[in-house]
Amino acid sequence: MIVCRTIAELRTALIEGKSQLSGGNASVGLVPTMGYLHEGHASLMRKSAEENGLTVLSIFVNPLQFGPNEDFERYPRNEERDLALAEQNGIDIAFLPSVDVMYPTKPLTTVLVNQLTDRLCGASRPGHFDGVGTVVSKLFHLVQPDRAYFGMKDAQQVAVIQQMTDDLNFPVTIVPCPTLREPDGLALSSRNVYLTAEQRQQATVLSQSLDQAGEWVNEPEMNAEELVKRVTDKIQQAPLGEIDYVEWLRYPSLQPMDSTEPIRLESERYILALAVKFGSTRLIDNHLFGSSGGDYHV
């Protein structure tokens, strides 16, 4: 595995790596991350290694996607462990740029995806997805991958990046990958390390409420208003949790439906998305429902 810290090093490694590719396995995969890797990231790396002749992992805590009162400085980092995990899971090139490398001057150009960012985390974290779009577009330009791999735990991010890719004609296939979970159901997240033991125990209410929603949604004449109410009531049984949002939306458009209209899973695809804070730690989770593909709730 080659470790690159500058754009020049990355470009050299890509030229050398691509020169060794041949035949039907000549594609390049990209796994963009902010580091502090876990098994969820490892699953993305393995999938890319299986599907591509060359896989690039980026590790970059992107300041543009953090708000002024968010956890950029305390975001967990462990470079040595990350690199060991990357090498174990098929990474050929690890790109670990500094902020100065990625943004040598304050960027005057950003990538904004409208509408898809008006709800969920986009509403709660203004400017967050501008930062995501900007850094991912830079990585697409730098690496020029054939495929890019993203976890469905942040389903809004996947929808935003897919829209950006389509709108700007990036020649990249976006590959959504399943959410991985702890044995008790909690979605794997780098931020889980912030939770106290009691918060960690109560945080399982997110996956439990999604599982329960999977039963409720099949009740005759169930509508979005009632489903959101029941899920909200379920989450509020965890006294340490503070709900940011519980929303039922069409996916991937992230547009609402008439809240009193009966849900018809056979005709559309929907997402039930949650964000809940435990202390200063904000956790997200979701489940996709409907006929038009992809149950990524694992």
C-alpha atoms as a PDB file:
ATOM      1  CA  MET A   1       0.000   0.000   0.000  1.00  0.00           C
ATOM      2  CA  ILE A   2       1.312   3.434  -0.973  1.00  0.00           C
ATOM      3  CA  VAL A   3       0.665   6.320   1.434  1.00  0.00           C
ATOM      4  CA  CYS A   4       0.386   9.780  -0.161  1.00  0.00           C
ATOM      5  CA  ARG A   5       0.135  13.089   1.647  1.00  0.00           C
ATOM      6  CA  THR A   6       0.380  15.536  -1.232  1.00  0.00           C
ATOM      7  CA  ILE A   7      -1.479  15.889  -4.510  1.00  0.00           C
ATOM      8  CA  ALA A   8       1.782  15.387  -6.425  1.00  0.00           C
ATOM      9  CA  GLU A   9       2.421  12.102  -4.603  1.00  0.00           C
ATOM     10  CA  LEU A  10      -1.144  10.980  -5.276  1.00  0.00           C
ATOM     11  CA  ARG A  11      -0.888  11.732  -8.981  1.00  0.00           C
ATOM     12  CA  THR A  12       2.401   9.848  -9.263  1.00  0.00           C
ATOM     13  CA  ALA A  13       0.987   6.841  -7.430  1.00  0.00           C
ATOM     14  CA  LEU A  14      -2.115   6.848  -9.639  1.00  0.00           C
ATOM     15  CA  ILE A  15      -0.069   6.972 -12.839  1.00  0.00           C
ATOM     16  CA  GLU A  16       2.081   4.065 -11.647  1.00  0.00           C
ATOM     17  CA  GLY A  17      -0.894   2.104 -10.332  1.00  0.00           C
ATOM     18  CA  LYS A  18      -3.000   2.574 -13.457  1.00  0.00           C
ATOM     19  CA  SER A  19      -0.060   1.576 -15.673  1.00  0.00           C
ATOM     20  CA  GLN A  20      -0.120  -1.862 -14.073  1.00  0.00           C
ATOM     21  CA  LEU A  21      -3.830  -2.417 -14.699  1.00  0.00           C
ATOM     22  CA  SER A  22      -4.949  -4.522 -17.625  1.00  0.00           C
ATOM     23  CA  GLY A  23      -7.819  -6.506 -19.068  1.00  0.00           C
ATOM     24  CA  GLY A  24     -11.225  -6.549 -17.421  1.00  0.00           C
ATOM     25  CA  ASN A  25      -9.928  -5.367 -14.059  1.00  0.00           C
ATOM     26  CA  ALA A  26      -8.654  -1.937 -15.078  1.00  0.00           C
ATOM     27  CA  SER A  27     -11.129   0.164 -13.109  1.00  0.00           C
ATOM     28  CA  VAL A  28     -10.344   2.455 -10.162  1.00  0.00           C
ATOM     29  CA  GLY A  29     -12.407   2.568  -6.963  1.00  0.00           C
ATOM     30  CA  LEU A  30     -12.495   5.396  -4.412  1.00  0.00           C
ATOM     31  CA  VAL A  31     -13.540   5.137  -0.767  1.00  0.00           C
ATOM     32  CA  PRO A  32     -13.753   8.674   0.708  1.00  0.00           C
ATOM     33  CA  THR A  33     -13.658   8.772   4.529  1.00  0.00           C
ATOM     34  CA  MET A  34     -12.881  11.071   7.441  1.00  0.00           C
ATOM     35  CA  GLY A  35     -10.868   8.338   9.116  1.00  0.00           C
ATOM     36  CA  TYR A  36     -11.206   6.691  12.520  1.00  0.00           C
ATOM     37  CA  LEU A  37     -12.135   3.659  10.464  1.00  0.00           C
ATOM     38  CA  HIS A  38     -14.403   0.841  11.607  1.00  0.00           C
ATOM     39  CA  GLU A  39     -15.884  -2.292  10.090  1.00  0.00           C
ATOM     40  CA  GLY A  40     -18.402  -0.258   8.124  1.00  0.00           C
ATOM     41  CA  HIS A  41     -15.546   1.474   6.308  1.00  0.00           C
ATOM     42  CA  ALA A  42     -13.755  -1.854   5.945  1.00  0.00           C
ATOM     43  CA  SER A  43     -16.775  -3.291   4.141  1.00  0.00           C
ATOM     44  CA  LEU A  44     -16.588  -0.433   1.611  1.00  0.00           C
ATOM     45  CA  MET A  45     -12.879  -1.034   1.095  1.00  0.00           C
ATOM     46  CA  ARG A  46     -13.373  -4.762   0.535  1.00  0.00           C
ATOM     47  CA  LYS A  47     -16.178  -4.189  -1.939  1.00  0.00           C
ATOM     48  CA  SER A  48     -14.069  -1.750  -3.910  1.00  0.00           C
ATOM     49  CA  ALA A  49     -11.091  -4.127  -3.878  1.00  0.00           C
ATOM     50  CA  GLU A  50     -13.336  -6.905  -5.200  1.00  0.00           C
ATOM     51  CA  GLU A  51     -14.760  -4.766  -8.006  1.00  0.00           C
ATOM     52  CA  ASN A  52     -11.713  -2.759  -9.120  1.00  0.00           C
ATOM     53  CA  GLY A  53      -8.115  -3.313 -10.072  1.00  0.00           C
ATOM     54  CA  LEU A  54      -6.983  -0.303  -8.026  1.00  0.00           C
ATOM     55  CA  THR A  55      -8.592   1.110  -4.877  1.00  0.00           C
ATOM     56  CA  VAL A  56      -7.859   4.511  -3.346  1.00  0.00           C
ATOM     57  CA  LEU A  57      -8.840   5.364   0.222  1.00  0.00           C
ATOM     58  CA  SER A  58      -8.950   9.008   1.252  1.00  0.00           C
ATOM     59  CA  ILE A  59      -8.750  10.002   4.914  1.00  0.00           C
ATOM     60  CA  PHE A  60      -9.483  13.667   5.420  1.00  0.00           C
ATOM     61  CA  VAL A  61     -11.405  15.396   8.197  1.00  0.00           C
ATOM     62  CA  ASN A  62     -12.966  18.096   6.063  1.00  0.00           C
ATOM     63  CA  PRO A  63     -13.377  21.408   7.929  1.00  0.00           C
ATOM     64  CA  LEU A  64     -15.862  22.732   5.353  1.00  0.00           C
ATOM     65  CA  GLN A  65     -18.554  20.298   6.490  1.00  0.00           C
ATOM     66  CA  PHE A  66     -18.353  21.218  10.179  1.00  0.00           C
ATOM     67  CA  GLY A  67     -20.356  24.075  11.635  1.00  0.00           C
ATOM     68  CA  PRO A  68     -18.837  26.624  14.076  1.00  0.00           C
ATOM     69  CA  ASN A  69     -20.115  24.749  17.127  1.00  0.00           C
ATOM     70  CA  GLU A  70     -19.469  21.245  15.872  1.00  0.00           C
ATOM     71  CA  ASP A  71     -16.758  18.730  16.672  1.00  0.00           C
ATOM     72  CA  PHE A  72     -14.031  19.309  14.049  1.00  0.00           C
ATOM     73  CA  GLU A  73     -11.178  19.630  16.558  1.00  0.00           C
ATOM     74  CA  ARG A  74     -12.313  16.708  18.689  1.00  0.00           C
ATOM     75  CA  TYR A  75     -13.363  14.459  15.814  1.00  0.00           C
ATOM     76  CA  PRO A  76     -11.612  11.141  16.591  1.00  0.00           C
ATOM     77  CA  ARG A  77      -8.390  10.402  14.729  1.00  0.00           C
ATOM     78  CA  ASN A  78      -6.069   7.389  14.756  1.00  0.00           C
ATOM     79  CA  GLU A  79      -3.856   7.371  11.691  1.00  0.00           C
ATOM     80  CA  GLU A  80      -1.758   4.331  12.611  1.00  0.00           C
ATOM     81  CA  ARG A  81      -4.802   2.115  13.184  1.00  0.00           C
ATOM     82  CA  ASP A  82      -6.519   3.476  10.063  1.00  0.00           C
ATOM     83  CA  LEU A  83      -3.560   2.631   7.836  1.00  0.00           C
ATOM     84  CA  ALA A  84      -3.286  -0.877   9.280  1.00  0.00           C
ATOM     85  CA  LEU A  85      -7.001  -1.471   8.640  1.00  0.00           C
ATOM     86  CA  ALA A  86      -6.690  -0.074   5.126  1.00  0.00           C
ATOM     87  CA  GLU A  87      -3.819  -2.397   4.250  1.00  0.00           C
ATOM     88  CA  GLN A  88      -5.721  -5.379   5.641  1.00  0.00           C
ATOM     89  CA  ASN A  89      -8.743  -4.616   3.466  1.00  0.00           C
ATOM     90  CA  GLY A  90      -7.280  -4.253   0.008  1.00  0.00           C
ATOM     91  CA  ILE A  91      -6.343  -0.581  -0.275  1.00  0.00           C
ATOM     92  CA  ASP A  92      -3.649   0.147  -2.861  1.00  0.00           C
ATOM     93  CA  ILE A  93      -3.260   3.895  -2.296  1.00  0.00           C
ATOM     94  CA  ALA A  94      -4.082   5.765   0.923  1.00  0.00           C
ATOM     95  CA  PHE A  95      -4.393   9.540   0.486  1.00  0.00           C
ATOM     96  CA  LEU A  96      -4.012  11.489   3.750  1.00  0.00           C
ATOM     97  CA  PRO A  97      -3.818  15.182   2.865  1.00  0.00           C
ATOM     98  CA  SER A  98      -3.614  17.985   5.401  1.00  0.00           C
ATOM     99  CA  VAL A  99      -6.068  20.872   5.366  1.00  0.00           C
ATOM    100  CA  ASP A 100      -3.371  23.024   3.767  1.00  0.00           C
ATOM    101  CA  VAL A 101      -2.958  20.508   0.957  1.00  0.00           C
ATOM    102  CA  MET A 102      -6.658  20.339   0.200  1.00  0.00           C
ATOM    103  CA  TYR A 103      -7.300  24.046   0.763  1.00  0.00           C
ATOM    104  CA  PRO A 104      -4.032  25.977   0.316  1.00  0.00           C
ATOM    105  CA  THR A 105      -6.156  29.131   0.239  1.00  0.00           C
ATOM    106  CA  LYS A 106      -9.709  29.739   1.347  1.00  0.00           C
ATOM    107  CA  PRO A 107     -11.864  28.231  -1.412  1.00  0.00           C
ATOM    108  CA  LEU A 108     -14.018  30.718  -3.259  1.00  0.00           C
ATOM    109  CA  THR A 109     -15.763  27.942  -5.174  1.00  0.00           C
ATOM    110  CA  THR A 110     -18.148  25.509  -3.484  1.00  0.00           C
ATOM    111  CA  VAL A 111     -20.576  22.875  -4.760  1.00  0.00           C
ATOM    112  CA  LEU A 112     -24.166  23.358  -3.615  1.00  0.00           C
ATOM    113  CA  VAL A 113     -26.915  20.852  -4.352  1.00  0.00           C
ATOM    114  CA  ASN A 114     -30.282  22.537  -3.892  1.00  0.00           C
ATOM    115  CA  GLN A 115     -33.522  20.997  -2.575  1.00  0.00           C
ATOM    116  CA  LEU A 116     -31.957  17.704  -1.438  1.00  0.00           C
ATOM    117  CA  THR A 117     -30.113  19.649   1.265  1.00  0.00           C
ATOM    118  CA  ASP A 118     -33.119  21.550   2.592  1.00  0.00           C
ATOM    119  CA  ARG A 119     -34.191  18.797   4.996  1.00  0.00           C
ATOM    120  CA  LEU A 120     -32.789  16.327   7.522  1.00  0.00           C
ATOM    121  CA  CYS A 121     -29.100  16.992   8.243  1.00  0.00           C
ATOM    122  CA  GLY A 122     -29.028  19.781   5.673  1.00  0.00           C
ATOM    123  CA  ALA A 123     -31.574  21.742   7.711  1.00  0.00           C
ATOM    124  CA  SER A 124     -29.945  20.916  11.045  1.00  0.00           C
ATOM    125  CA  ARG A 125     -26.395  21.620   9.854  1.00  0.00           C
ATOM    126  CA  PRO A 126     -26.474  24.601   7.437  1.00  0.00           C
ATOM    127  CA  GLY A 127     -23.601  24.494   4.982  1.00  0.00           C
ATOM    128  CA  HIS A 128     -22.695  20.890   5.818  1.00  0.00           C
ATOM    129  CA  PHE A 129     -23.505  19.497   2.392  1.00  0.00           C
ATOM    130  CA  ASP A 130     -21.783  22.407   0.634  1.00  0.00           C
ATOM    131  CA  GLY A 131     -18.630  21.127   2.315  1.00  0.00           C
ATOM    132  CA  VAL A 132     -19.406  17.524   1.403  1.00  0.00           C
ATOM    133  CA  GLY A 133     -20.083  18.354  -2.238  1.00  0.00           C
ATOM    134  CA  THR A 134     -16.958  20.477  -2.498  1.00  0.00           C
ATOM    135  CA  VAL A 135     -14.557  17.933  -1.037  1.00  0.00           C
ATOM    136  CA  VAL A 136     -16.052  14.973  -2.905  1.00  0.00           C
ATOM    137  CA  SER A 137     -15.901  16.853  -6.203  1.00  0.00           C
ATOM    138  CA  LYS A 138     -12.227  17.640  -5.511  1.00  0.00           C
ATOM    139  CA  LEU A 139     -11.543  13.969  -4.769  1.00  0.00           C
ATOM    140  CA  PHE A 140     -13.341  12.914  -7.960  1.00  0.00           C
ATOM    141  CA  HIS A 141     -11.152  15.304  -9.965  1.00  0.00           C
ATOM    142  CA  LEU A 142      -7.953  14.181  -8.233  1.00  0.00           C
ATOM    143  CA  VAL A 143      -8.508  10.417  -8.334  1.00  0.00           C
ATOM    144  CA  GLN A 144     -10.766  10.145 -11.413  1.00  0.00           C
ATOM    145  CA  PRO A 145     -12.327   6.920 -10.147  1.00  0.00           C
ATOM    146  CA  ASP A 146     -14.698   4.693 -12.081  1.00  0.00           C
ATOM    147  CA  ARG A 147     -16.636   3.881  -8.906  1.00  0.00           C
ATOM    148  CA  ALA A 148     -17.019   5.580  -5.520  1.00  0.00           C
ATOM    149  CA  TYR A 149     -18.325   3.815  -2.415  1.00  0.00           C
ATOM    150  CA  PHE A 150     -20.512   5.369   0.283  1.00  0.00           C
ATOM    151  CA  GLY A 151     -22.369   3.910   3.253  1.00  0.00           C
ATOM    152  CA  MET A 152     -26.133   4.164   3.396  1.00  0.00           C
ATOM    153  CA  LYS A 153     -26.065   5.159   7.069  1.00  0.00           C
ATOM    154  CA  ASP A 154     -25.939   8.687   5.675  1.00  0.00           C
ATOM    155  CA  ALA A 155     -28.561   8.157   2.986  1.00  0.00           C
ATOM    156  CA  GLN A 156     -28.990  11.888   2.447  1.00  0.00           C
ATOM    157  CA  GLN A 157     -25.291  12.183   1.636  1.00  0.00           C
ATOM    158  CA  VAL A 158     -25.634   9.368  -0.907  1.00  0.00           C
ATOM    159  CA  ALA A 159     -28.594  11.131  -2.548  1.00  0.00           C
ATOM    160  CA  VAL A 160     -26.733  14.465  -2.631  1.00  0.00           C
ATOM    161  CA  ILE A 161     -23.576  12.953  -4.130  1.00  0.00           C
ATOM    162  CA  GLN A 162     -25.564  11.020  -6.722  1.00  0.00           C
ATOM    163  CA  GLN A 163     -27.354  14.224  -7.737  1.00  0.00           C
ATOM    164  CA  MET A 164     -24.078  16.136  -7.931  1.00  0.00           C
ATOM    165  CA  THR A 165     -22.536  13.356 -10.013  1.00  0.00           C
ATOM    166  CA  ASP A 166     -25.460  13.375 -12.429  1.00  0.00           C
ATOM    167  CA  ASP A 167     -25.706  17.168 -12.681  1.00  0.00           C
ATOM    168  CA  LEU A 168     -21.983  17.717 -13.264  1.00  0.00           C
ATOM    169  CA  ASN A 169     -21.527  14.656 -15.513  1.00  0.00           C
ATOM    170  CA  PHE A 170     -18.813  13.054 -13.423  1.00  0.00           C
ATOM    171  CA  PRO A 171     -17.942   9.726 -15.095  1.00  0.00           C
ATOM    172  CA  VAL A 172     -18.282   7.945 -11.751  1.00  0.00           C
ATOM    173  CA  THR A 173     -20.677   5.209 -10.659  1.00  0.00           C
ATOM    174  CA  ILE A 174     -21.880   5.837  -7.093  1.00  0.00           C
ATOM    175  CA  VAL A 175     -22.078   2.554  -5.180  1.00  0.00           C
ATOM    176  CA  PRO A 176     -24.314   2.677  -2.074  1.00  0.00           C
ATOM    177  CA  CYS A 177     -23.348   0.078   0.543  1.00  0.00           C
ATOM    178  CA  PRO A 178     -25.327  -1.341   3.480  1.00  0.00           C
ATOM    179  CA  THR A 179     -25.231   0.106   6.970  1.00  0.00           C
ATOM    180  CA  LEU A 180     -23.280  -2.178   9.292  1.00  0.00           C
ATOM    181  CA  ARG A 181     -24.337  -2.565  12.902  1.00  0.00           C
ATOM    182  CA  GLU A 182     -23.199  -3.727  16.297  1.00  0.00           C
ATOM    183  CA  PRO A 183     -24.819  -6.967  17.533  1.00  0.00           C
ATOM    184  CA  ASP A 184     -27.369  -4.877  19.487  1.00  0.00           C
ATOM    185  CA  GLY A 185     -28.341  -2.938  16.357  1.00  0.00           C
ATOM    186  CA  LEU A 186     -26.493   0.360  16.836  1.00  0.00           C
ATOM    187  CA  ALA A 187     -25.197   1.597  13.493  1.00  0.00           C
ATOM    188  CA  LEU A 188     -21.411   1.708  13.334  1.00  0.00           C
ATOM    189  CA  SER A 189     -20.134   5.276  13.548  1.00  0.00           C
ATOM    190  CA  SER A 190     -16.834   6.940  14.392  1.00  0.00           C
ATOM    191  CA  ARG A 191     -18.790   9.153  16.811  1.00  0.00           C
ATOM    192  CA  ASN A 192     -19.956   6.187  18.919  1.00  0.00           C
ATOM    193  CA  VAL A 193     -16.743   6.515  20.949  1.00  0.00           C
ATOM    194  CA  TYR A 194     -18.112   9.734  22.451  1.00  0.00           C
ATOM    195  CA  LEU A 195     -21.024   7.939  24.133  1.00  0.00           C
ATOM    196  CA  THR A 196     -21.007   7.151  27.831  1.00  0.00           C
ATOM    197  CA  ALA A 197     -21.967   3.605  28.807  1.00  0.00           C
ATOM    198  CA  GLU A 198     -25.516   4.706  29.632  1.00  0.00           C
ATOM    199  CA  GLN A 199     -25.871   6.753  26.446  1.00  0.00           C
ATOM    200  CA  ARG A 200     -24.511   3.837  24.433  1.00  0.00           C
ATOM    201  CA  GLN A 201     -27.117   1.524  25.912  1.00  0.00           C
ATOM    202  CA  GLN A 202     -29.982   3.923  25.240  1.00  0.00           C
ATOM    203  CA  ALA A 203     -28.774   4.710  21.701  1.00  0.00           C
ATOM    204  CA  THR A 204     -30.034   1.322  20.536  1.00  0.00           C
ATOM    205  CA  VAL A 205     -33.485   2.914  20.540  1.00  0.00           C
ATOM    206  CA  LEU A 206     -32.731   4.247  17.040  1.00  0.00           C
ATOM    207  CA  SER A 207     -32.463   0.850  15.388  1.00  0.00           C
ATOM    208  CA  GLN A 208     -35.246  -0.524  17.577  1.00  0.00           C
ATOM    209  CA  SER A 209     -37.613   2.223  16.437  1.00  0.00           C
ATOM    210  CA  LEU A 210     -36.716   1.577  12.784  1.00  0.00           C
ATOM    211  CA  ASP A 211     -37.365  -2.124  13.219  1.00  0.00           C
ATOM    212  CA  GLN A 212     -40.703  -1.370  14.863  1.00  0.00           C
ATOM    213  CA  ALA A 213     -41.574   1.013  12.021  1.00  0.00           C
ATOM    214  CA  GLY A 214     -41.042  -1.875   9.624  1.00  0.00           C
ATOM    215  CA  GLU A 215     -44.030  -3.554  11.251  1.00  0.00           C
ATOM    216  CA  TRP A 216     -46.172  -0.459  11.690  1.00  0.00           C
ATOM    217  CA  VAL A 217     -45.796   0.662   8.077  1.00  0.00           C
ATOM    218  CA  ASN A 218     -47.667  -2.438   6.890  1.00  0.00           C
ATOM    219  CA  GLU A 219     -50.762  -1.677   8.942  1.00  0.00           C
ATOM    220  CA  PRO A 220     -53.798  -0.835   6.770  1.00  0.00           C
ATOM    221  CA  GLU A 221     -54.143   2.905   6.098  1.00  0.00           C
ATOM    222  CA  MET A 222     -50.938   3.776   7.978  1.00  0.00           C
ATOM    223  CA  ASN A 223     -49.880   7.321   7.090  1.00  0.00           C
ATOM    224  CA  ALA A 224     -46.712   9.360   7.533  1.00  0.00           C
ATOM    225  CA  GLU A 225     -48.091  11.469  10.368  1.00  0.00           C
ATOM    226  CA  GLU A 226     -49.022   8.458  12.472  1.00  0.00           C
ATOM    227  CA  LEU A 227     -45.821   6.585  11.674  1.00  0.00           C
ATOM    228  CA  VAL A 228     -43.628   9.548  12.632  1.00  0.00           C
ATOM    229  CA  LYS A 229     -45.639   9.997  15.854  1.00  0.00           C
ATOM    230  CA  ARG A 230     -45.150   6.376  16.866  1.00  0.00           C
ATOM    231  CA  VAL A 231     -41.440   6.410  16.090  1.00  0.00           C
ATOM    232  CA  THR A 232     -41.035   9.678  18.003  1.00  0.00           C
ATOM    233  CA  ASP A 233     -42.855   8.201  21.009  1.00  0.00           C
ATOM    234  CA  LYS A 234     -40.616   5.136  20.860  1.00  0.00           C
ATOM    235  CA  ILE A 235     -37.418   7.199  20.811  1.00  0.00           C
ATOM    236  CA  GLN A 236     -38.641   9.353  23.681  1.00  0.00           C
ATOM    237  CA  GLN A 237     -38.628   6.238  25.854  1.00  0.00           C
ATOM    238  CA  ALA A 238     -34.854   6.774  26.008  1.00  0.00           C
ATOM    239  CA  PRO A 239     -34.638   9.720  28.426  1.00  0.00           C
ATOM    240  CA  LEU A 240     -31.070  10.671  27.447  1.00  0.00           C
ATOM    241  CA  GLY A 241     -32.000  11.105  23.792  1.00  0.00           C
ATOM    242  CA  GLU A 242     -32.870  14.497  22.346  1.00  0.00           C
ATOM    243  CA  ILE A 243     -34.584  14.211  18.973  1.00  0.00           C
ATOM    244  CA  ASP A 244     -33.293  16.409  16.172  1.00  0.00           C
ATOM    245  CA  TYR A 245     -35.631  14.985  13.544  1.00  0.00           C
ATOM    246  CA  VAL A 246     -37.827  12.041  12.634  1.00  0.00           C
ATOM    247  CA  GLU A 247     -38.946  12.287   9.015  1.00  0.00           C
ATOM    248  CA  TRP A 248     -40.685  10.127   6.422  1.00  0.00           C
ATOM    249  CA  LEU A 249     -39.761  11.258   2.900  1.00  0.00           C
ATOM    250  CA  ARG A 250     -39.664  10.047  -0.661  1.00  0.00           C
ATOM    251  CA  TYR A 251     -36.234   8.723  -1.644  1.00  0.00           C
ATOM    252  CA  PRO A 252     -33.980   9.830  -3.239  1.00  0.00           C
ATOM    253  CA  SER A 253     -35.816  13.118  -3.880  1.00  0.00           C
ATOM    254  CA  LEU A 254     -36.232  13.694  -0.106  1.00  0.00           C
ATOM    255  CA  GLN A 255     -39.571  15.341  -0.743  1.00  0.00           C
ATOM    256  CA  PRO A 256     -42.464  14.888   1.718  1.00  0.00           C
ATOM    257  CA  MET A 257     -45.725  13.164   0.967  1.00  0.00           C
ATOM    258  CA  ASP A 258     -49.145  14.196   2.218  1.00  0.00           C
ATOM    259  CA  SER A 259     -48.823  13.269   5.883  1.00  0.00           C
ATOM    260  CA  THR A 260     -52.407  11.990   6.097  1.00  0.00           C
ATOM    261  CA  GLU A 261     -52.306  10.019   2.833  1.00  0.00           C
ATOM    262  CA  PRO A 262     -52.026   6.226   3.309  1.00  0.00           C
ATOM    263  CA  ILE A 263     -48.541   4.900   2.624  1.00  0.00           C
ATOM    264  CA  ARG A 264     -48.370   2.718  -0.489  1.00  0.00           C
ATOM    265  CA  LEU A 265     -45.037   0.912  -0.490  1.00  0.00           C
ATOM    266  CA  GLU A 266     -45.784  -0.835  -3.756  1.00  0.00           C
ATOM    267  CA  SER A 267     -45.743   2.408  -5.712  1.00  0.00           C
ATOM    268  CA  GLU A 268     -42.830   4.455  -4.346  1.00  0.00           C
ATOM    269  CA  ARG A 269     -39.583   4.318  -2.418  1.00  0.00           C
ATOM    270  CA  TYR A 270     -39.376   6.046   0.956  1.00  0.00           C
ATOM    271  CA  ILE A 271     -36.916   6.726   3.731  1.00  0.00           C
ATOM    272  CA  LEU A 272     -37.542   6.945   7.456  1.00  0.00           C
ATOM    273  CA  ALA A 273     -34.634   9.044   8.734  1.00  0.00           C
ATOM    274  CA  LEU A 274     -33.653   9.825  12.332  1.00  0.00           C
ATOM    275  CA  ALA A 275     -31.194  12.104  14.086  1.00  0.00           C
ATOM    276  CA  VAL A 276     -30.938  11.979  17.874  1.00  0.00           C
ATOM    277  CA  LYS A 277     -28.426  13.591  20.231  1.00  0.00           C
ATOM    278  CA  PHE A 278     -27.106  11.833  23.307  1.00  0.00           C
ATOM    279  CA  GLY A 279     -25.272  14.502  25.232  1.00  0.00           C
ATOM    280  CA  SER A 280     -23.104  16.254  22.620  1.00  0.00           C
ATOM    281  CA  THR A 281     -23.060  13.219  20.312  1.00  0.00           C
ATOM    282  CA  ARG A 282     -25.416  13.365  17.362  1.00  0.00           C
ATOM    283  CA  LEU A 283     -26.343   9.993  15.837  1.00  0.00           C
ATOM    284  CA  ILE A 284     -28.168   9.356  12.565  1.00  0.00           C
ATOM    285  CA  ASP A 285     -29.867   6.261  11.208  1.00  0.00           C
ATOM    286  CA  ASN A 286     -32.433   5.359   8.584  1.00  0.00           C
ATOM    287  CA  HIS A 287     -34.370   2.638   6.814  1.00  0.00           C
ATOM    288  CA  LEU A 288     -35.479   2.501   3.189  1.00  0.00           C
ATOM    289  CA  PHE A 289     -38.910   1.173   2.298  1.00  0.00           C
ATOM    290  CA  GLY A 290     -40.704   0.551  -0.952  1.00  0.00           C
ATOM    291  CA  SER A 291     -40.792  -1.241  -4.224  1.00  0.00           C
ATOM    292  CA  SER A 292     -38.133   0.486  -6.250  1.00  0.00           C
ATOM    293  CA  GLY A 293     -35.123  -1.142  -4.806  1.00  0.00           C
ATOM    294  CA  GLY A 294     -32.534  -1.478  -2.144  1.00  0.00           C
ATOM    295  CA  ASP A 295     -33.147  -2.402   1.451  1.00  0.00           C
ATOM    296  CA  TYR A 296     -29.864  -1.217   2.988  1.00  0.00           C
ATOM    297  CA  HIS A 297     -30.945  -1.617   6.614  1.00  0.00           C
ATOM    298  CA  VAL A 298     -28.627  -4.378   7.901  1.00  0.00           C
END
